Amino acid sequence: MQNCRMKVAKSRLLMRILKKILALKIYKIADFIKNKQVKEVHTIFNITTNFTVKEEVAVRNENAWAFEDINKDT
């Protein structure tokens, strides 16, 4: 019984540590891509899109708040 409790406690501790590491990595990535153009981020992370130009414009218009500080021609 004691061994089982110890394993559960270790698992919980490990999960807390992993969540903190993940949060730090997310902030690091966000800081890394901050102020970069969309095309530059796509190149860095090897992102391809299947959107047509018309579809991309529609998405940008629907989510204009997310693109306020981004150059519109990227």
Protein backbone atom coordinates (compact mmCIF):
# COMPACT_ATOMS: atom_id res chain seq x y z
CA MET A 1 0.00 0.00 0.00
CA GLN A 2 2.82 2.39 0.93
CA ASN A 3 4.60 1.58 -2.36
CA CYS A 4 1.44 2.39 -4.33
CA ARG A 5 1.03 5.75 -2.55
CA MET A 6 4.65 6.59 -3.26
CA LYS A 7 4.18 5.82 -6.97
CA VAL A 8 1.07 8.01 -7.09
CA ALA A 9 2.89 10.85 -5.32
CA LYS A 10 5.84 10.56 -7.71
CA SER A 11 3.51 10.50 -10.71
CA ARG A 12 1.73 13.64 -9.52
CA LEU A 13 5.03 15.40 -8.91
CA LEU A 14 6.27 14.37 -12.34
CA MET A 15 3.07 15.68 -13.96
CA ARG A 16 3.42 19.04 -12.18
CA ILE A 17 7.03 19.31 -13.32
CA LEU A 18 6.16 18.37 -16.90
CA LYS A 19 3.31 20.90 -17.00
CA LYS A 20 5.69 23.64 -15.85
CA ILE A 21 8.29 22.63 -18.43
CA LEU A 22 5.63 22.62 -21.15
CA ALA A 23 4.42 26.08 -20.10
CA LEU A 24 7.99 27.41 -20.21
CA LYS A 25 8.54 25.93 -23.68
CA ILE A 26 5.28 27.46 -24.91
CA TYR A 27 6.35 30.89 -23.66
CA LYS A 28 9.79 30.41 -25.22
CA ILE A 29 8.29 29.53 -28.61
CA ALA A 30 5.83 32.43 -28.40
CA ASP A 31 8.70 34.80 -27.60
CA PHE A 32 10.74 33.33 -30.47
CA ILE A 33 8.03 33.91 -33.10
CA LYS A 34 6.89 37.26 -31.73
CA ASN A 35 7.25 40.05 -34.31
CA LYS A 36 8.01 37.61 -37.13
CA GLN A 37 6.06 37.67 -40.37
CA VAL A 38 3.65 34.81 -41.09
CA LYS A 39 5.74 33.54 -44.00
CA GLU A 40 8.86 33.54 -41.82
CA VAL A 41 7.12 31.46 -39.12
CA HIS A 42 5.86 29.06 -41.79
CA THR A 43 9.42 28.66 -43.07
CA ILE A 44 10.93 28.18 -39.60
CA PHE A 45 8.45 25.47 -38.64
CA ASN A 46 8.07 24.02 -42.15
CA ILE A 47 4.34 24.78 -42.22
CA THR A 48 2.46 24.36 -45.46
CA THR A 49 -1.07 25.53 -46.08
CA ASN A 50 -3.80 24.15 -48.28
CA PHE A 51 -5.77 27.39 -48.26
CA THR A 52 -6.35 29.20 -51.50
CA VAL A 53 -5.61 32.92 -51.48
CA LYS A 54 -9.36 33.59 -51.31
CA GLU A 55 -9.79 31.24 -48.32
CA GLU A 56 -6.83 32.78 -46.51
CA VAL A 57 -8.26 36.28 -47.00
CA ALA A 58 -11.60 35.06 -45.62
CA VAL A 59 -9.92 33.60 -42.53
CA ARG A 60 -7.93 36.80 -41.98
CA ASN A 61 -11.12 38.86 -42.28
CA GLU A 62 -13.01 36.62 -39.85
CA ASN A 63 -10.14 36.86 -37.35
CA ALA A 64 -8.93 40.38 -38.05
CA TRP A 65 -8.01 40.97 -34.41
CA ALA A 66 -5.30 38.29 -34.67
CA PHE A 67 -3.66 40.01 -37.63
CA GLU A 68 -3.74 43.65 -36.44
CA ASP A 69 0.04 43.96 -36.16
CA ILE A 70 0.93 41.78 -39.14
CA ASN A 71 1.73 43.05 -42.59
CA LYS A 72 -1.33 42.21 -44.74
CA ASP A 73 0.70 41.11 -47.78
CA THR A 74 2.34 38.15 -46.02
